[in-house]
Each structure stands twice: as C-alpha cells, then as structure tokens.
Amino acid sequence: MNVELTRFKVKKGKTKAVDEWLQFLNHHMKEVLLTLEGEKMYIETIFREVQNEDEYLYWYSVQGRDGIEVTESTHWVDKKHLQYWQDCIDETYKPVNLTTEVVMIPEKIRANMT
C-alpha cells in the first residue's frame, strides 16, 4: 500500500481553470470513482492552498499495489482530467512529496485494501 501527499504548483493565471477542473471532478464523481478501481486507488483527495501569490494543489492518496496509472486509462473522465492537469500544473516546479510518518488505518479496513 502506498500512502502519499504531494504538492504541485498551479501555473500563474490558471485559477479559473482549476475552479473548472475541481468542479468537473465533483460533478462527475460517479465516473471518477469508477476509474479509481482500476488504479487500486482507495482514497484520493485534492486540497488547495494559496501562499502569497502562488497557488498549490495537494494530492493525498492511499493506493494499493499493481493498479494502472491514470495515464494508461482510456476512460473519457481520465482523459479530461489529464487535459486539465497539462493546462494547470506548472511542470517547471518540482513536486514536493511530504514524508509519511504514521499511517492509521484500522485493520478491518486495511484488510479490504488488496
């Protein structure tokens, strides 16, 4: 199982596009949740932060082993998600992976994460 929290920087001037992106994901949650199964993604949460004039998105996820990568998906919702990613995420900024120190998942839940 992989538990991670990663910070990505949003390109300048893309706040409205990020608004659209997050609304798109929320609006199509049924389809989004279907695609997570193939990725063995048990939990995926996006947080948003603005520091000074810089905007960041944080991805928190709990993922099982041997899932497909989102880039391998043929589902239309993933393709649209990746279009937003390319439009909004600043690839010149090195993503920051925060260090996982403690994972608290009850055994009865963890047992279902295979």
N, C-alpha and C. Protein backbone atom coordinates (compact mmCIF):
# COMPACT_ATOMS: atom_id res chain seq x y z
N MET A 1 0.84 -1.17 0.00
CA MET A 1 0.00 0.00 0.00
C MET A 1 0.89 1.23 0.00
N ASN A 2 0.51 2.23 -0.80
CA ASN A 2 1.27 3.46 -0.91
C ASN A 2 0.40 4.61 -0.41
N VAL A 3 0.91 5.32 0.61
CA VAL A 3 0.21 6.48 1.16
C VAL A 3 1.09 7.69 0.88
N GLU A 4 0.53 8.71 0.20
CA GLU A 4 1.35 9.86 -0.12
C GLU A 4 0.56 11.16 -0.13
N LEU A 5 1.31 12.23 0.08
CA LEU A 5 0.79 13.59 -0.02
C LEU A 5 1.81 14.39 -0.80
N THR A 6 1.39 14.95 -1.93
CA THR A 6 2.30 15.65 -2.83
C THR A 6 1.74 17.02 -3.18
N ARG A 7 2.64 18.02 -3.18
CA ARG A 7 2.25 19.39 -3.54
C ARG A 7 2.69 19.69 -4.96
N PHE A 8 1.76 20.25 -5.75
CA PHE A 8 2.01 20.67 -7.12
C PHE A 8 1.67 22.15 -7.23
N LYS A 9 2.45 22.87 -8.00
CA LYS A 9 2.21 24.29 -8.18
C LYS A 9 1.32 24.52 -9.40
N VAL A 10 0.38 25.44 -9.25
CA VAL A 10 -0.52 25.81 -10.35
C VAL A 10 0.15 26.91 -11.17
N LYS A 11 0.02 26.83 -12.47
CA LYS A 11 0.55 27.87 -13.35
C LYS A 11 -0.14 29.20 -13.04
N LYS A 12 0.61 30.27 -13.17
CA LYS A 12 0.06 31.62 -12.98
C LYS A 12 -1.11 31.84 -13.95
N GLY A 13 -2.15 32.46 -13.46
CA GLY A 13 -3.29 32.79 -14.29
C GLY A 13 -4.26 31.65 -14.55
N LYS A 14 -4.07 30.51 -13.86
CA LYS A 14 -4.91 29.33 -14.12
C LYS A 14 -5.93 29.04 -13.02
N THR A 15 -6.15 30.01 -12.14
CA THR A 15 -7.09 29.80 -11.03
C THR A 15 -8.48 29.43 -11.52
N LYS A 16 -8.98 30.13 -12.53
CA LYS A 16 -10.33 29.83 -13.04
C LYS A 16 -10.38 28.45 -13.69
N ALA A 17 -9.31 28.07 -14.37
CA ALA A 17 -9.25 26.73 -14.97
C ALA A 17 -9.23 25.66 -13.87
N VAL A 18 -8.53 25.93 -12.75
CA VAL A 18 -8.53 24.99 -11.62
C VAL A 18 -9.93 24.91 -11.03
N ASP A 19 -10.62 26.04 -10.91
CA ASP A 19 -12.01 26.03 -10.44
C ASP A 19 -12.84 25.09 -11.30
N GLU A 20 -12.72 25.23 -12.62
CA GLU A 20 -13.46 24.37 -13.57
C GLU A 20 -13.10 22.91 -13.37
N TRP A 21 -11.79 22.64 -13.23
CA TRP A 21 -11.28 21.28 -13.07
C TRP A 21 -11.90 20.61 -11.85
N LEU A 22 -11.83 21.29 -10.73
CA LEU A 22 -12.34 20.71 -9.49
C LEU A 22 -13.86 20.55 -9.55
N GLN A 23 -14.55 21.50 -10.18
CA GLN A 23 -16.00 21.36 -10.39
C GLN A 23 -16.30 20.18 -11.29
N PHE A 24 -15.48 20.00 -12.34
CA PHE A 24 -15.64 18.87 -13.24
C PHE A 24 -15.54 17.55 -12.48
N LEU A 25 -14.52 17.42 -11.64
CA LEU A 25 -14.34 16.18 -10.88
C LEU A 25 -15.51 15.95 -9.93
N ASN A 26 -15.94 17.00 -9.23
CA ASN A 26 -17.08 16.86 -8.32
C ASN A 26 -18.37 16.54 -9.07
N HIS A 27 -18.56 17.16 -10.20
CA HIS A 27 -19.78 16.95 -10.98
C HIS A 27 -19.85 15.53 -11.57
N HIS A 28 -18.70 14.96 -11.89
CA HIS A 28 -18.64 13.62 -12.50
C HIS A 28 -18.10 12.58 -11.52
N MET A 29 -18.43 12.74 -10.25
CA MET A 29 -17.86 11.87 -9.22
C MET A 29 -18.19 10.39 -9.46
N LYS A 30 -19.36 10.07 -9.95
CA LYS A 30 -19.70 8.66 -10.20
C LYS A 30 -18.70 8.03 -11.16
N GLU A 31 -18.38 8.73 -12.24
CA GLU A 31 -17.42 8.23 -13.23
C GLU A 31 -16.00 8.22 -12.66
N VAL A 32 -15.66 9.26 -11.91
CA VAL A 32 -14.34 9.34 -11.29
C VAL A 32 -14.11 8.14 -10.38
N LEU A 33 -15.10 7.83 -9.56
CA LEU A 33 -14.95 6.70 -8.63
C LEU A 33 -14.79 5.37 -9.36
N LEU A 34 -15.43 5.24 -10.50
CA LEU A 34 -15.27 4.02 -11.30
C LEU A 34 -13.82 3.87 -11.78
N THR A 35 -13.21 4.97 -12.18
CA THR A 35 -11.84 4.89 -12.69
C THR A 35 -10.83 4.59 -11.59
N LEU A 36 -11.16 4.97 -10.36
CA LEU A 36 -10.24 4.71 -9.25
C LEU A 36 -10.07 3.22 -8.98
N GLU A 37 -11.09 2.44 -9.29
CA GLU A 37 -11.00 0.99 -9.05
C GLU A 37 -9.84 0.37 -9.82
N GLY A 38 -9.69 0.71 -11.10
CA GLY A 38 -8.61 0.16 -11.91
C GLY A 38 -7.23 0.61 -11.44
N GLU A 39 -7.19 1.77 -10.83
CA GLU A 39 -5.93 2.31 -10.30
C GLU A 39 -5.60 1.74 -8.91
N LYS A 40 -6.56 0.98 -8.36
CA LYS A 40 -6.46 0.50 -6.97
C LYS A 40 -6.25 1.67 -6.02
N MET A 41 -6.94 2.76 -6.34
CA MET A 41 -6.88 3.97 -5.54
C MET A 41 -8.02 3.92 -4.54
N TYR A 42 -7.68 3.74 -3.27
CA TYR A 42 -8.69 3.61 -2.23
C TYR A 42 -9.18 4.97 -1.75
N ILE A 43 -8.27 5.92 -1.67
CA ILE A 43 -8.60 7.28 -1.25
C ILE A 43 -7.79 8.24 -2.10
N GLU A 44 -8.45 9.24 -2.65
CA GLU A 44 -7.74 10.30 -3.35
C GLU A 44 -8.46 11.60 -3.01
N THR A 45 -7.71 12.53 -2.47
CA THR A 45 -8.27 13.80 -2.03
C THR A 45 -7.38 14.92 -2.55
N ILE A 46 -8.01 15.98 -3.04
CA ILE A 46 -7.26 17.14 -3.54
C ILE A 46 -7.52 18.31 -2.59
N PHE A 47 -6.44 18.91 -2.13
CA PHE A 47 -6.51 20.11 -1.30
C PHE A 47 -5.96 21.28 -2.11
N ARG A 48 -6.38 22.47 -1.75
CA ARG A 48 -5.96 23.68 -2.47
C ARG A 48 -5.43 24.69 -1.46
N GLU A 49 -4.36 25.38 -1.85
CA GLU A 49 -3.76 26.37 -0.96
C GLU A 49 -3.21 27.53 -1.78
N VAL A 50 -3.33 28.73 -1.24
CA VAL A 50 -2.70 29.90 -1.84
C VAL A 50 -1.76 30.48 -0.78
N GLN A 51 -0.48 30.61 -1.16
CA GLN A 51 0.54 31.21 -0.30
C GLN A 51 1.11 32.40 -1.05
N ASN A 52 1.03 33.57 -0.42
CA ASN A 52 1.43 34.80 -1.10
C ASN A 52 0.64 34.88 -2.40
N GLU A 53 1.29 34.83 -3.52
CA GLU A 53 0.56 34.87 -4.80
C GLU A 53 0.66 33.55 -5.55
N ASP A 54 1.17 32.52 -4.90
CA ASP A 54 1.32 31.21 -5.54
C ASP A 54 0.19 30.29 -5.09
N GLU A 55 -0.31 29.51 -6.05
CA GLU A 55 -1.38 28.57 -5.77
C GLU A 55 -0.86 27.15 -5.91
N TYR A 56 -1.30 26.28 -5.01
CA TYR A 56 -0.85 24.89 -4.99
C TYR A 56 -2.04 23.96 -4.86
N LEU A 57 -1.90 22.78 -5.45
CA LEU A 57 -2.83 21.68 -5.23
C LEU A 57 -2.05 20.56 -4.56
N TYR A 58 -2.66 19.96 -3.56
CA TYR A 58 -2.06 18.84 -2.85
C TYR A 58 -2.89 17.60 -3.13
N TRP A 59 -2.23 16.51 -3.47
CA TRP A 59 -2.89 15.23 -3.68
C TRP A 59 -2.55 14.32 -2.52
N TYR A 60 -3.57 13.87 -1.81
CA TYR A 60 -3.41 12.86 -0.76
C TYR A 60 -4.02 11.59 -1.30
N SER A 61 -3.28 10.50 -1.22
CA SER A 61 -3.83 9.25 -1.74
C SER A 61 -3.37 8.04 -0.93
N VAL A 62 -4.24 7.04 -0.95
CA VAL A 62 -3.93 5.72 -0.42
C VAL A 62 -4.22 4.77 -1.56
N GLN A 63 -3.17 4.09 -2.03
CA GLN A 63 -3.29 3.27 -3.23
C GLN A 63 -2.70 1.89 -2.99
N GLY A 64 -3.39 0.89 -3.53
CA GLY A 64 -2.89 -0.47 -3.47
C GLY A 64 -1.83 -0.72 -4.53
N ARG A 65 -1.29 -1.91 -4.52
CA ARG A 65 -0.25 -2.28 -5.49
C ARG A 65 -0.86 -2.72 -6.82
N ASP A 66 -0.07 -2.56 -7.87
CA ASP A 66 -0.39 -3.08 -9.20
C ASP A 66 -1.62 -2.46 -9.85
N GLY A 67 -1.95 -1.24 -9.49
CA GLY A 67 -3.03 -0.55 -10.19
C GLY A 67 -2.50 0.08 -11.45
N ILE A 68 -3.40 0.41 -12.38
CA ILE A 68 -2.95 1.07 -13.60
C ILE A 68 -2.69 2.55 -13.30
N GLU A 69 -1.84 3.15 -14.10
CA GLU A 69 -1.58 4.58 -13.99
C GLU A 69 -2.72 5.33 -14.67
N VAL A 70 -3.04 6.51 -14.15
CA VAL A 70 -4.10 7.31 -14.76
C VAL A 70 -3.78 7.59 -16.23
N THR A 71 -2.50 7.70 -16.56
CA THR A 71 -2.10 7.97 -17.95
C THR A 71 -2.38 6.79 -18.87
N GLU A 72 -2.59 5.60 -18.30
CA GLU A 72 -2.90 4.40 -19.09
C GLU A 72 -4.40 4.23 -19.31
N SER A 73 -5.19 4.99 -18.60
CA SER A 73 -6.64 4.84 -18.67
C SER A 73 -7.17 5.30 -20.02
N THR A 74 -8.21 4.62 -20.49
CA THR A 74 -8.88 5.01 -21.72
C THR A 74 -10.22 5.68 -21.43
N HIS A 75 -10.57 5.82 -20.17
CA HIS A 75 -11.86 6.40 -19.78
C HIS A 75 -11.88 7.90 -20.08
N TRP A 76 -12.98 8.39 -20.61
CA TRP A 76 -13.08 9.80 -21.00
C TRP A 76 -12.86 10.76 -19.84
N VAL A 77 -13.29 10.38 -18.63
CA VAL A 77 -13.14 11.29 -17.49
C VAL A 77 -11.66 11.45 -17.13
N ASP A 78 -10.88 10.38 -17.26
CA ASP A 78 -9.43 10.48 -17.00
C ASP A 78 -8.74 11.30 -18.08
N LYS A 79 -9.16 11.15 -19.32
CA LYS A 79 -8.56 11.94 -20.40
C LYS A 79 -8.80 13.44 -20.17
N LYS A 80 -10.02 13.80 -19.75
CA LYS A 80 -10.34 15.20 -19.46
C LYS A 80 -9.54 15.68 -18.24
N HIS A 81 -9.44 14.84 -17.24
CA HIS A 81 -8.66 15.15 -16.03
C HIS A 81 -7.20 15.46 -16.41
N LEU A 82 -6.63 14.66 -17.29
CA LEU A 82 -5.24 14.88 -17.71
C LEU A 82 -5.10 16.13 -18.57
N GLN A 83 -6.12 16.47 -19.33
CA GLN A 83 -6.09 17.74 -20.08
C GLN A 83 -6.02 18.93 -19.13
N TYR A 84 -6.84 18.89 -18.08
CA TYR A 84 -6.79 19.95 -17.07
C TYR A 84 -5.41 19.98 -16.41
N TRP A 85 -4.88 18.80 -16.10
CA TRP A 85 -3.55 18.72 -15.48
C TRP A 85 -2.52 19.45 -16.34
N GLN A 86 -2.48 19.12 -17.60
CA GLN A 86 -1.50 19.72 -18.51
C GLN A 86 -1.71 21.23 -18.64
N ASP A 87 -2.94 21.67 -18.59
CA ASP A 87 -3.25 23.08 -18.70
C ASP A 87 -2.90 23.86 -17.42
N CYS A 88 -3.05 23.23 -16.26
CA CYS A 88 -2.99 23.95 -15.00
C CYS A 88 -1.74 23.74 -14.15
N ILE A 89 -1.10 22.57 -14.23
CA ILE A 89 0.02 22.27 -13.34
C ILE A 89 1.32 22.77 -13.94
N ASP A 90 2.10 23.47 -13.14
CA ASP A 90 3.39 24.03 -13.54
C ASP A 90 4.44 22.92 -13.50
N GLU A 91 4.80 22.41 -14.66
CA GLU A 91 5.76 21.31 -14.75
C GLU A 91 7.20 21.76 -14.45
N THR A 92 7.44 23.08 -14.40
CA THR A 92 8.79 23.56 -14.08
C THR A 92 9.04 23.54 -12.57
N TYR A 93 7.99 23.39 -11.78
CA TYR A 93 8.09 23.30 -10.32
C TYR A 93 8.19 21.83 -9.94
N LYS A 94 9.24 21.49 -9.21
CA LYS A 94 9.41 20.10 -8.79
C LYS A 94 8.39 19.77 -7.70
N PRO A 95 7.52 18.77 -7.94
CA PRO A 95 6.53 18.41 -6.92
C PRO A 95 7.22 18.07 -5.59
N VAL A 96 6.55 18.40 -4.51
CA VAL A 96 7.09 18.15 -3.18
C VAL A 96 6.32 16.99 -2.56
N ASN A 97 7.02 15.89 -2.30
CA ASN A 97 6.43 14.74 -1.63
C ASN A 97 6.69 14.87 -0.14
N LEU A 98 5.62 15.01 0.63
CA LEU A 98 5.77 15.08 2.06
C LEU A 98 6.07 13.69 2.59
N THR A 99 6.78 13.61 3.68
CA THR A 99 7.21 12.33 4.24
C THR A 99 6.10 11.71 5.07
N THR A 100 5.75 10.47 4.76
CA THR A 100 4.76 9.74 5.54
C THR A 100 5.44 9.24 6.81
N GLU A 101 4.87 9.60 7.94
CA GLU A 101 5.44 9.20 9.24
C GLU A 101 4.58 8.17 9.96
N VAL A 102 3.28 8.31 9.89
CA VAL A 102 2.37 7.41 10.59
C VAL A 102 1.16 7.17 9.69
N VAL A 103 0.76 5.92 9.54
CA VAL A 103 -0.44 5.58 8.78
C VAL A 103 -1.40 4.90 9.75
N MET A 104 -2.55 5.52 9.94
CA MET A 104 -3.53 4.99 10.88
C MET A 104 -4.77 4.53 10.12
N ILE A 105 -4.78 3.26 9.80
CA ILE A 105 -5.91 2.65 9.12
C ILE A 105 -6.26 1.40 9.94
N PRO A 106 -7.47 1.34 10.47
CA PRO A 106 -7.85 0.16 11.26
C PRO A 106 -7.68 -1.13 10.43
N GLU A 107 -7.30 -2.19 11.09
CA GLU A 107 -7.02 -3.46 10.42
C GLU A 107 -8.22 -3.96 9.62
N LYS A 108 -9.43 -3.79 10.14
CA LYS A 108 -10.61 -4.29 9.41
C LYS A 108 -10.80 -3.55 8.08
N ILE A 109 -10.35 -2.31 8.00
CA ILE A 109 -10.42 -1.57 6.74
C ILE A 109 -9.22 -1.93 5.87
N ARG A 110 -8.05 -1.98 6.48
CA ARG A 110 -6.82 -2.34 5.75
C ARG A 110 -6.94 -3.70 5.09
N ALA A 111 -7.62 -4.64 5.73
CA ALA A 111 -7.79 -5.99 5.19
C ALA A 111 -8.55 -5.98 3.86
N ASN A 112 -9.38 -4.96 3.64
CA ASN A 112 -10.14 -4.86 2.40
C ASN A 112 -9.38 -4.11 1.32
N MET A 113 -8.20 -3.61 1.64
CA MET A 113 -7.38 -2.90 0.67
C MET A 113 -6.36 -3.86 0.09
N THR A 114 -6.73 -4.54 -0.98
CA THR A 114 -5.81 -5.52 -1.56
C THR A 114 -5.47 -5.15 -2.98
